[in-house]
């Protein structure tokens, strides 16, 4: 569950959270300055926000892929059920 949160949900949500924070800051500044036309979130750079999220997801998945696991060609013993307990897979030397 944590892996899904870190590799998919967080990279997609981060650009959206940053954009909404930026827009609320700009709206607050415009209100303080007394401007009548406030920035609207519908007019934002949505393709860039979506591409930023997709790029972060791709970077997270590639990092996870190349930073975890065992080297190619390593022999693994598959998980087994022994006395009602699941024994995880392990590296066979």
PDB file of N, CA and C in Angstrom:
ATOM      1  N   UNK A   1       0.821  -1.192   0.000  1.00  0.00           N
ATOM      2  CA  UNK A   1       0.000   0.000   0.000  1.00  0.00           C
ATOM      3  C   UNK A   1       0.870   1.262   0.000  1.00  0.00           C
ATOM      4  N   UNK A   2       1.934   1.247   0.803  1.00  0.00           N
ATOM      5  CA  UNK A   2       2.822   2.400   0.856  1.00  0.00           C
ATOM      6  C   UNK A   2       3.536   2.600  -0.480  1.00  0.00           C
ATOM      7  N   UNK A   3       3.892   1.499  -1.129  1.00  0.00           N
ATOM      8  CA  UNK A   3       4.554   1.585  -2.433  1.00  0.00           C
ATOM      9  C   UNK A   3       3.648   2.269  -3.445  1.00  0.00           C
ATOM     10  N   UNK A   4       2.372   1.917  -3.449  1.00  0.00           N
ATOM     11  CA  UNK A   4       1.418   2.541  -4.374  1.00  0.00           C
ATOM     12  C   UNK A   4       1.291   4.025  -4.070  1.00  0.00           C
ATOM     13  N   UNK A   5       1.235   4.365  -2.786  1.00  0.00           N
ATOM     14  CA  UNK A   5       1.127   5.764  -2.397  1.00  0.00           C
ATOM     15  C   UNK A   5       2.350   6.553  -2.855  1.00  0.00           C
ATOM     16  N   UNK A   6       3.543   6.000  -2.640  1.00  0.00           N
ATOM     17  CA  UNK A   6       4.771   6.720  -2.978  1.00  0.00           C
ATOM     18  C   UNK A   6       5.072   6.759  -4.468  1.00  0.00           C
ATOM     19  N   UNK A   7       4.690   5.730  -5.202  1.00  0.00           N
ATOM     20  CA  UNK A   7       5.065   5.687  -6.615  1.00  0.00           C
ATOM     21  C   UNK A   7       3.983   6.167  -7.568  1.00  0.00           C
ATOM     22  N   UNK A   8       2.744   6.216  -7.132  1.00  0.00           N
ATOM     23  CA  UNK A   8       1.678   6.620  -8.057  1.00  0.00           C
ATOM     24  C   UNK A   8       0.894   7.818  -7.524  1.00  0.00           C
ATOM     25  N   UNK A   9       0.330   7.712  -6.342  1.00  0.00           N
ATOM     26  CA  UNK A   9      -0.562   8.757  -5.835  1.00  0.00           C
ATOM     27  C   UNK A   9       0.194  10.055  -5.559  1.00  0.00           C
ATOM     28  N   UNK A  10       1.295   9.976  -4.821  1.00  0.00           N
ATOM     29  CA  UNK A  10       2.037  11.179  -4.462  1.00  0.00           C
ATOM     30  C   UNK A  10       2.592  11.918  -5.679  1.00  0.00           C
ATOM     31  N   UNK A  11       3.232  11.248  -6.648  1.00  0.00           N
ATOM     32  CA  UNK A  11       3.724  11.994  -7.817  1.00  0.00           C
ATOM     33  C   UNK A  11       2.616  12.645  -8.643  1.00  0.00           C
ATOM     34  N   UNK A  12       1.438  12.056  -8.662  1.00  0.00           N
ATOM     35  CA  UNK A  12       0.339  12.684  -9.403  1.00  0.00           C
ATOM     36  C   UNK A  12      -0.225  13.862  -8.611  1.00  0.00           C
ATOM     37  N   UNK A  13      -0.318  13.715  -7.299  1.00  0.00           N
ATOM     38  CA  UNK A  13      -0.935  14.743  -6.474  1.00  0.00           C
ATOM     39  C   UNK A  13      -0.025  15.947  -6.243  1.00  0.00           C
ATOM     40  N   UNK A  14       1.283  15.758  -6.217  1.00  0.00           N
ATOM     41  CA  UNK A  14       2.200  16.851  -5.912  1.00  0.00           C
ATOM     42  C   UNK A  14       2.061  18.045  -6.851  1.00  0.00           C
ATOM     43  N   UNK A  15       2.067  17.868  -8.174  1.00  0.00           N
ATOM     44  CA  UNK A  15       1.904  19.044  -9.046  1.00  0.00           C
ATOM     45  C   UNK A  15       0.546  19.722  -8.852  1.00  0.00           C
ATOM     46  N   UNK A  16      -0.494  18.950  -8.591  1.00  0.00           N
ATOM     47  CA  UNK A  16      -1.818  19.546  -8.377  1.00  0.00           C
ATOM     48  C   UNK A  16      -1.842  20.371  -7.090  1.00  0.00           C
ATOM     49  N   UNK A  17      -1.270  19.834  -6.029  1.00  0.00           N
ATOM     50  CA  UNK A  17      -1.224  20.557  -4.755  1.00  0.00           C
ATOM     51  C   UNK A  17      -0.407  21.838  -4.909  1.00  0.00           C
ATOM     52  N   UNK A  18       0.735  21.740  -5.581  1.00  0.00           N
ATOM     53  CA  UNK A  18       1.570  22.927  -5.792  1.00  0.00           C
ATOM     54  C   UNK A  18       0.822  23.972  -6.632  1.00  0.00           C
ATOM     55  N   UNK A  19       0.110  23.528  -7.661  1.00  0.00           N
ATOM     56  CA  UNK A  19      -0.612  24.472  -8.519  1.00  0.00           C
ATOM     57  C   UNK A  19      -1.751  25.149  -7.755  1.00  0.00           C
ATOM     58  N   UNK A  20      -2.525  24.378  -6.995  1.00  0.00           N
ATOM     59  CA  UNK A  20      -3.621  24.987  -6.239  1.00  0.00           C
ATOM     60  C   UNK A  20      -3.090  25.946  -5.177  1.00  0.00           C
ATOM     61  N   UNK A  21      -1.965  25.622  -4.559  1.00  0.00           N
ATOM     62  CA  UNK A  21      -1.345  26.536  -3.609  1.00  0.00           C
ATOM     63  C   UNK A  21      -0.908  27.828  -4.278  1.00  0.00           C
ATOM     64  N   UNK A  22      -0.287  27.694  -5.436  1.00  0.00           N
ATOM     65  CA  UNK A  22       0.148  28.871  -6.193  1.00  0.00           C
ATOM     66  C   UNK A  22      -1.048  29.738  -6.587  1.00  0.00           C
ATOM     67  N   UNK A  23      -2.112  29.109  -7.075  1.00  0.00           N
ATOM     68  CA  UNK A  23      -3.289  29.879  -7.497  1.00  0.00           C
ATOM     69  C   UNK A  23      -3.949  30.581  -6.310  1.00  0.00           C
ATOM     70  N   UNK A  24      -4.025  29.927  -5.157  1.00  0.00           N
ATOM     71  CA  UNK A  24      -4.634  30.605  -4.014  1.00  0.00           C
ATOM     72  C   UNK A  24      -3.762  31.765  -3.549  1.00  0.00           C
ATOM     73  N   UNK A  25      -2.440  31.627  -3.628  1.00  0.00           N
ATOM     74  CA  UNK A  25      -1.553  32.732  -3.285  1.00  0.00           C
ATOM     75  C   UNK A  25      -1.754  33.898  -4.261  1.00  0.00           C
ATOM     76  N   UNK A  26      -1.859  33.620  -5.554  1.00  0.00           N
ATOM     77  CA  UNK A  26      -2.061  34.677  -6.547  1.00  0.00           C
ATOM     78  C   UNK A  26      -3.415  35.361  -6.365  1.00  0.00           C
ATOM     79  N   UNK A  27      -4.444  34.579  -6.034  1.00  0.00           N
ATOM     80  CA  UNK A  27      -5.765  35.183  -5.800  1.00  0.00           C
ATOM     81  C   UNK A  27      -5.732  36.095  -4.572  1.00  0.00           C
ATOM     82  N   UNK A  28      -5.051  35.647  -3.525  1.00  0.00           N
ATOM     83  CA  UNK A  28      -4.945  36.459  -2.313  1.00  0.00           C
ATOM     84  C   UNK A  28      -4.195  37.753  -2.596  1.00  0.00           C
ATOM     85  N   UNK A  29      -3.095  37.662  -3.361  1.00  0.00           N
ATOM     86  CA  UNK A  29      -2.339  38.865  -3.724  1.00  0.00           C
ATOM     87  C   UNK A  29      -3.194  39.828  -4.543  1.00  0.00           C
ATOM     88  N   UNK A  30      -3.978  39.289  -5.472  1.00  0.00           N
ATOM     89  CA  UNK A  30      -4.831  40.139  -6.315  1.00  0.00           C
ATOM     90  C   UNK A  30      -5.909  40.815  -5.474  1.00  0.00           C
ATOM     91  N   UNK A  31      -6.470  40.111  -4.511  1.00  0.00           N
ATOM     92  CA  UNK A  31      -7.483  40.708  -3.648  1.00  0.00           C
ATOM     93  C   UNK A  31      -6.887  41.817  -2.784  1.00  0.00           C
ATOM     94  N   UNK A  32      -5.696  41.578  -2.249  1.00  0.00           N
ATOM     95  CA  UNK A  32      -5.042  42.595  -1.411  1.00  0.00           C
ATOM     96  C   UNK A  32      -4.719  43.834  -2.243  1.00  0.00           C
ATOM     97  N   UNK A  33      -4.294  43.638  -3.484  1.00  0.00           N
ATOM     98  CA  UNK A  33      -3.964  44.761  -4.367  1.00  0.00           C
ATOM     99  C   UNK A  33      -5.214  45.470  -4.876  1.00  0.00           C
ATOM    100  N   UNK A  34      -6.394  44.890  -4.656  1.00  0.00           N
ATOM    101  CA  UNK A  34      -7.639  45.524  -5.072  1.00  0.00           C
ATOM    102  C   UNK A  34      -7.989  45.308  -6.524  1.00  0.00           C
ATOM    103  N   UNK A  35      -7.395  44.327  -7.159  1.00  0.00           N
ATOM    104  CA  UNK A  35      -7.707  44.060  -8.565  1.00  0.00           C
ATOM    105  C   UNK A  35      -9.099  43.449  -8.665  1.00  0.00           C
ATOM    106  N   UNK A  36      -9.805  43.798  -9.755  1.00  0.00           N
ATOM    107  CA  UNK A  36     -11.162  43.283  -9.930  1.00  0.00           C
ATOM    108  C   UNK A  36     -11.179  41.936 -10.631  1.00  0.00           C
ATOM    109  N   UNK A  37     -10.205  41.675 -11.503  1.00  0.00           N
ATOM    110  CA  UNK A  37     -10.169  40.389 -12.199  1.00  0.00           C
ATOM    111  C   UNK A  37      -9.179  39.465 -11.479  1.00  0.00           C
ATOM    112  N   UNK A  38      -9.711  38.460 -10.833  1.00  0.00           N
ATOM    113  CA  UNK A  38      -8.886  37.506 -10.106  1.00  0.00           C
ATOM    114  C   UNK A  38      -8.510  36.346 -11.015  1.00  0.00           C
ATOM    115  N   UNK A  39      -7.324  35.774 -10.821  1.00  0.00           N
ATOM    116  CA  UNK A  39      -6.949  34.603 -11.621  1.00  0.00           C
ATOM    117  C   UNK A  39      -7.910  33.448 -11.365  1.00  0.00           C
ATOM    118  N   UNK A  40      -8.278  32.741 -12.407  1.00  0.00           N
ATOM    119  CA  UNK A  40      -9.199  31.613 -12.269  1.00  0.00           C
ATOM    120  C   UNK A  40      -8.437  30.318 -12.520  1.00  0.00           C
ATOM    121  N   UNK A  41      -8.739  29.307 -11.707  1.00  0.00           N
ATOM    122  CA  UNK A  41      -8.013  28.043 -11.846  1.00  0.00           C
ATOM    123  C   UNK A  41      -8.359  27.322 -13.134  1.00  0.00           C
ATOM    124  N   UNK A  42      -9.533  27.586 -13.715  1.00  0.00           N
ATOM    125  CA  UNK A  42      -9.913  26.931 -14.964  1.00  0.00           C
ATOM    126  C   UNK A  42      -9.030  27.371 -16.128  1.00  0.00           C
ATOM    127  N   UNK A  43      -8.412  28.524 -16.012  1.00  0.00           N
ATOM    128  CA  UNK A  43      -7.583  29.048 -17.094  1.00  0.00           C
ATOM    129  C   UNK A  43      -6.118  28.652 -16.923  1.00  0.00           C
ATOM    130  N   UNK A  44      -5.856  27.746 -16.038  1.00  0.00           N
ATOM    131  CA  UNK A  44      -4.481  27.357 -15.719  1.00  0.00           C
ATOM    132  C   UNK A  44      -3.841  26.463 -16.769  1.00  0.00           C
ATOM    133  N   UNK A  45      -2.577  26.202 -16.594  1.00  0.00           N
ATOM    134  CA  UNK A  45      -1.821  25.374 -17.539  1.00  0.00           C
ATOM    135  C   UNK A  45      -2.018  23.887 -17.268  1.00  0.00           C
ATOM    136  N   UNK A  46      -3.230  23.388 -17.420  1.00  0.00           N
ATOM    137  CA  UNK A  46      -3.544  21.997 -17.063  1.00  0.00           C
ATOM    138  C   UNK A  46      -2.732  20.966 -17.828  1.00  0.00           C
ATOM    139  N   UNK A  47      -2.454  21.147 -19.108  1.00  0.00           N
ATOM    140  CA  UNK A  47      -1.606  20.139 -19.767  1.00  0.00           C
ATOM    141  C   UNK A  47      -0.234  20.018 -19.112  1.00  0.00           C
ATOM    142  N   UNK A  48       0.345  21.141 -18.677  1.00  0.00           N
ATOM    143  CA  UNK A  48       1.657  21.099 -18.026  1.00  0.00           C
ATOM    144  C   UNK A  48       1.572  20.444 -16.649  1.00  0.00           C
ATOM    145  N   UNK A  49       0.495  20.702 -15.936  1.00  0.00           N
ATOM    146  CA  UNK A  49       0.325  20.072 -14.620  1.00  0.00           C
ATOM    147  C   UNK A  49       0.187  18.556 -14.782  1.00  0.00           C
ATOM    148  N   UNK A  50      -0.598  18.131 -15.756  1.00  0.00           N
ATOM    149  CA  UNK A  50      -0.792  16.697 -15.993  1.00  0.00           C
ATOM    150  C   UNK A  50       0.507  16.056 -16.469  1.00  0.00           C
ATOM    151  N   UNK A  51       1.220  16.712 -17.376  1.00  0.00           N
ATOM    152  CA  UNK A  51       2.500  16.180 -17.831  1.00  0.00           C
ATOM    153  C   UNK A  51       3.522  16.129 -16.691  1.00  0.00           C
ATOM    154  N   UNK A  52       3.501  17.102 -15.812  1.00  0.00           N
ATOM    155  CA  UNK A  52       4.395  17.087 -14.661  1.00  0.00           C
ATOM    156  C   UNK A  52       4.107  15.904 -13.746  1.00  0.00           C
ATOM    157  N   UNK A  53       2.824  15.644 -13.502  1.00  0.00           N
ATOM    158  CA  UNK A  53       2.446  14.488 -12.679  1.00  0.00           C
ATOM    159  C   UNK A  53       2.839  13.183 -13.333  1.00  0.00           C
ATOM    160  N   UNK A  54       2.598  13.072 -14.632  1.00  0.00           N
ATOM    161  CA  UNK A  54       2.962  11.838 -15.345  1.00  0.00           C
ATOM    162  C   UNK A  54       4.475  11.640 -15.352  1.00  0.00           C
ATOM    163  N   UNK A  55       5.210  12.728 -15.503  1.00  0.00           N
ATOM    164  CA  UNK A  55       6.672  12.639 -15.465  1.00  0.00           C
ATOM    165  C   UNK A  55       7.178  12.187 -14.107  1.00  0.00           C
ATOM    166  N   UNK A  56       6.581  12.704 -13.042  1.00  0.00           N
ATOM    167  CA  UNK A  56       6.978  12.282 -11.697  1.00  0.00           C
ATOM    168  C   UNK A  56       6.637  10.816 -11.444  1.00  0.00           C
ATOM    169  N   UNK A  57       5.482  10.360 -11.941  1.00  0.00           N
ATOM    170  CA  UNK A  57       5.122   8.942 -11.796  1.00  0.00           C
ATOM    171  C   UNK A  57       6.131   8.074 -12.534  1.00  0.00           C
ATOM    172  N   UNK A  58       6.478   8.459 -13.746  1.00  0.00           N
ATOM    173  CA  UNK A  58       7.456   7.700 -14.523  1.00  0.00           C
ATOM    174  C   UNK A  58       8.810   7.661 -13.816  1.00  0.00           C
ATOM    175  N   UNK A  59       9.246   8.798 -13.303  1.00  0.00           N
ATOM    176  CA  UNK A  59      10.528   8.845 -12.578  1.00  0.00           C
ATOM    177  C   UNK A  59      10.489   7.965 -11.334  1.00  0.00           C
ATOM    178  N   UNK A  60       9.382   7.996 -10.612  1.00  0.00           N
ATOM    179  CA  UNK A  60       9.267   7.173  -9.407  1.00  0.00           C
ATOM    180  C   UNK A  60       9.270   5.691  -9.747  1.00  0.00           C
ATOM    181  N   UNK A  61       8.549   5.308 -10.791  1.00  0.00           N
ATOM    182  CA  UNK A  61       8.504   3.900 -11.172  1.00  0.00           C
ATOM    183  C   UNK A  61       9.856   3.409 -11.685  1.00  0.00           C
ATOM    184  N   UNK A  62      10.543   4.232 -12.469  1.00  0.00           N
ATOM    185  CA  UNK A  62      11.869   3.838 -12.950  1.00  0.00           C
ATOM    186  C   UNK A  62      12.866   3.737 -11.802  1.00  0.00           C
ATOM    187  N   UNK A  63      12.804   4.679 -10.866  1.00  0.00           N
ATOM    188  CA  UNK A  63      13.687   4.625  -9.705  1.00  0.00           C
ATOM    189  C   UNK A  63      13.416   3.368  -8.898  1.00  0.00           C
ATOM    190  N   UNK A  64      12.150   3.085  -8.670  1.00  0.00           N
ATOM    191  CA  UNK A  64      11.784   1.887  -7.906  1.00  0.00           C
ATOM    192  C   UNK A  64      12.264   0.627  -8.627  1.00  0.00           C
ATOM    193  N   UNK A  65      12.134   0.608  -9.937  1.00  0.00           N
ATOM    194  CA  UNK A  65      12.528  -0.568 -10.721  1.00  0.00           C
ATOM    195  C   UNK A  65      14.024  -0.835 -10.636  1.00  0.00           C
ATOM    196  N   UNK A  66      14.825   0.214 -10.754  1.00  0.00           N
ATOM    197  CA  UNK A  66      16.270   0.016 -10.813  1.00  0.00           C
ATOM    198  C   UNK A  66      16.950   0.054  -9.447  1.00  0.00           C
ATOM    199  N   UNK A  67      16.256   0.462  -8.408  1.00  0.00           N
ATOM    200  CA  UNK A  67      16.873   0.542  -7.088  1.00  0.00           C
ATOM    201  C   UNK A  67      16.468  -0.600  -6.158  1.00  0.00           C
ATOM    202  N   UNK A  68      15.567  -1.455  -6.591  1.00  0.00           N
ATOM    203  CA  UNK A  68      15.122  -2.556  -5.733  1.00  0.00           C
ATOM    204  C   UNK A  68      15.349  -3.886  -6.435  1.00  0.00           C
ATOM    205  N   UNK A  69      15.189  -4.957  -5.681  1.00  0.00           N
ATOM    206  CA  UNK A  69      15.270  -6.291  -6.266  1.00  0.00           C
ATOM    207  C   UNK A  69      16.682  -6.848  -6.240  1.00  0.00           C
ATOM    208  N   UNK A  70      16.846  -7.919  -6.947  1.00  0.00           N
ATOM    209  CA  UNK A  70      18.132  -8.609  -7.017  1.00  0.00           C
ATOM    210  C   UNK A  70      18.662  -8.491  -8.440  1.00  0.00           C
ATOM    211  N   UNK A  71      19.967  -8.651  -8.609  1.00  0.00           N
ATOM    212  CA  UNK A  71      20.536  -8.533  -9.955  1.00  0.00           C
ATOM    213  C   UNK A  71      19.987  -9.610 -10.897  1.00  0.00           C
ATOM    214  N   UNK A  72      20.012  -9.318 -12.172  1.00  0.00           N
ATOM    215  CA  UNK A  72      19.551 -10.273 -13.178  1.00  0.00           C
ATOM    216  C   UNK A  72      20.422 -11.525 -13.127  1.00  0.00           C
ATOM    217  N   UNK A  73      19.813 -12.671 -13.326  1.00  0.00           N
ATOM    218  CA  UNK A  73      20.532 -13.936 -13.333  1.00  0.00           C
ATOM    219  C   UNK A  73      20.642 -14.583 -11.959  1.00  0.00           C
ATOM    220  N   UNK A  74      20.170 -13.918 -10.918  1.00  0.00           N
ATOM    221  CA  UNK A  74      20.212 -14.482  -9.573  1.00  0.00           C
ATOM    222  C   UNK A  74      19.158 -15.571  -9.456  1.00  0.00           C
ATOM    223  N   UNK A  75      19.510 -16.685  -8.840  1.00  0.00           N
ATOM    224  CA  UNK A  75      18.553 -17.775  -8.655  1.00  0.00           C
ATOM    225  C   UNK A  75      17.774 -17.548  -7.370  1.00  0.00           C
ATOM    226  N   UNK A  76      16.453 -17.632  -7.488  1.00  0.00           N
ATOM    227  CA  UNK A  76      15.576 -17.439  -6.337  1.00  0.00           C
ATOM    228  C   UNK A  76      14.806 -18.720  -6.056  1.00  0.00           C
ATOM    229  N   UNK A  77      14.567 -18.978  -4.791  1.00  0.00           N
ATOM    230  CA  UNK A  77      13.702 -20.078  -4.381  1.00  0.00           C
ATOM    231  C   UNK A  77      12.331 -19.453  -4.116  1.00  0.00           C
ATOM    232  N   UNK A  78      11.296 -20.013  -4.698  1.00  0.00           N
ATOM    233  CA  UNK A  78       9.968 -19.417  -4.583  1.00  0.00           C
ATOM    234  C   UNK A  78       9.424 -19.556  -3.154  1.00  0.00           C
ATOM    235  N   UNK A  79       8.440 -18.745  -2.790  1.00  0.00           N
ATOM    236  CA  UNK A  79       7.844 -18.856  -1.454  1.00  0.00           C
ATOM    237  C   UNK A  79       7.227 -20.237  -1.258  1.00  0.00           C
ATOM    238  N   UNK A  80       7.249 -20.713   0.002  1.00  0.00           N
ATOM    239  CA  UNK A  80       6.691 -22.031   0.304  1.00  0.00           C
ATOM    240  C   UNK A  80       5.820 -21.947   1.546  1.00  0.00           C
ATOM    241  N   UNK A  81       4.913 -22.900   1.668  1.00  0.00           N
ATOM    242  CA  UNK A  81       4.066 -23.013   2.844  1.00  0.00           C
ATOM    243  C   UNK A  81       4.624 -24.136   3.709  1.00  0.00           C
ATOM    244  N   UNK A  82       5.155 -23.799   4.886  1.00  0.00           N
ATOM    245  CA  UNK A  82       5.738 -24.779   5.798  1.00  0.00           C
ATOM    246  C   UNK A  82       5.044 -24.637   7.143  1.00  0.00           C
ATOM    247  N   UNK A  83       4.389 -25.723   7.588  1.00  0.00           N
ATOM    248  CA  UNK A  83       3.665 -25.745   8.873  1.00  0.00           C
ATOM    249  C   UNK A  83       2.655 -24.607   8.979  1.00  0.00           C
ATOM    250  N   UNK A  84       1.973 -24.320   7.894  1.00  0.00           N
ATOM    251  CA  UNK A  84       0.935 -23.289   7.903  1.00  0.00           C
ATOM    252  C   UNK A  84       1.486 -21.871   7.827  1.00  0.00           C
ATOM    253  N   UNK A  85       2.781 -21.708   7.698  1.00  0.00           N
ATOM    254  CA  UNK A  85       3.403 -20.390   7.609  1.00  0.00           C
ATOM    255  C   UNK A  85       4.001 -20.211   6.217  1.00  0.00           C
ATOM    256  N   UNK A  86       3.793 -19.053   5.636  1.00  0.00           N
ATOM    257  CA  UNK A  86       4.368 -18.758   4.320  1.00  0.00           C
ATOM    258  C   UNK A  86       5.808 -18.296   4.526  1.00  0.00           C
ATOM    259  N   UNK A  87       6.724 -19.033   3.935  1.00  0.00           N
ATOM    260  CA  UNK A  87       8.126 -18.662   3.972  1.00  0.00           C
ATOM    261  C   UNK A  87       8.424 -17.836   2.720  1.00  0.00           C
ATOM    262  N   UNK A  88       8.954 -16.642   2.865  1.00  0.00           N
ATOM    263  CA  UNK A  88       9.178 -15.787   1.678  1.00  0.00           C
ATOM    264  C   UNK A  88      10.255 -16.358   0.764  1.00  0.00           C
ATOM    265  N   UNK A  89      10.287 -15.845  -0.440  1.00  0.00           N
ATOM    266  CA  UNK A  89      11.314 -16.288  -1.380  1.00  0.00           C
ATOM    267  C   UNK A  89      12.673 -15.852  -0.866  1.00  0.00           C
ATOM    268  N   UNK A  90      13.708 -16.590  -1.311  1.00  0.00           N
ATOM    269  CA  UNK A  90      15.050 -16.256  -0.868  1.00  0.00           C
ATOM    270  C   UNK A  90      16.035 -16.561  -1.997  1.00  0.00           C
ATOM    271  N   UNK A  91      17.209 -15.934  -1.884  1.00  0.00           N
ATOM    272  CA  UNK A  91      18.267 -16.112  -2.878  1.00  0.00           C
ATOM    273  C   UNK A  91      18.947 -17.447  -2.617  1.00  0.00           C
ATOM    274  N   UNK A  92      19.122 -18.239  -3.694  1.00  0.00           N
ATOM    275  CA  UNK A  92      19.807 -19.526  -3.601  1.00  0.00           C
ATOM    276  C   UNK A  92      21.237 -19.314  -4.096  1.00  0.00           C
ATOM    277  N   UNK A  93      22.183 -19.718  -3.303  1.00  0.00           N
ATOM    278  CA  UNK A  93      23.603 -19.531  -3.666  1.00  0.00           C
ATOM    279  C   UNK A  93      24.096 -20.704  -4.471  1.00  0.00           C
TER     280      UNK A  93
END
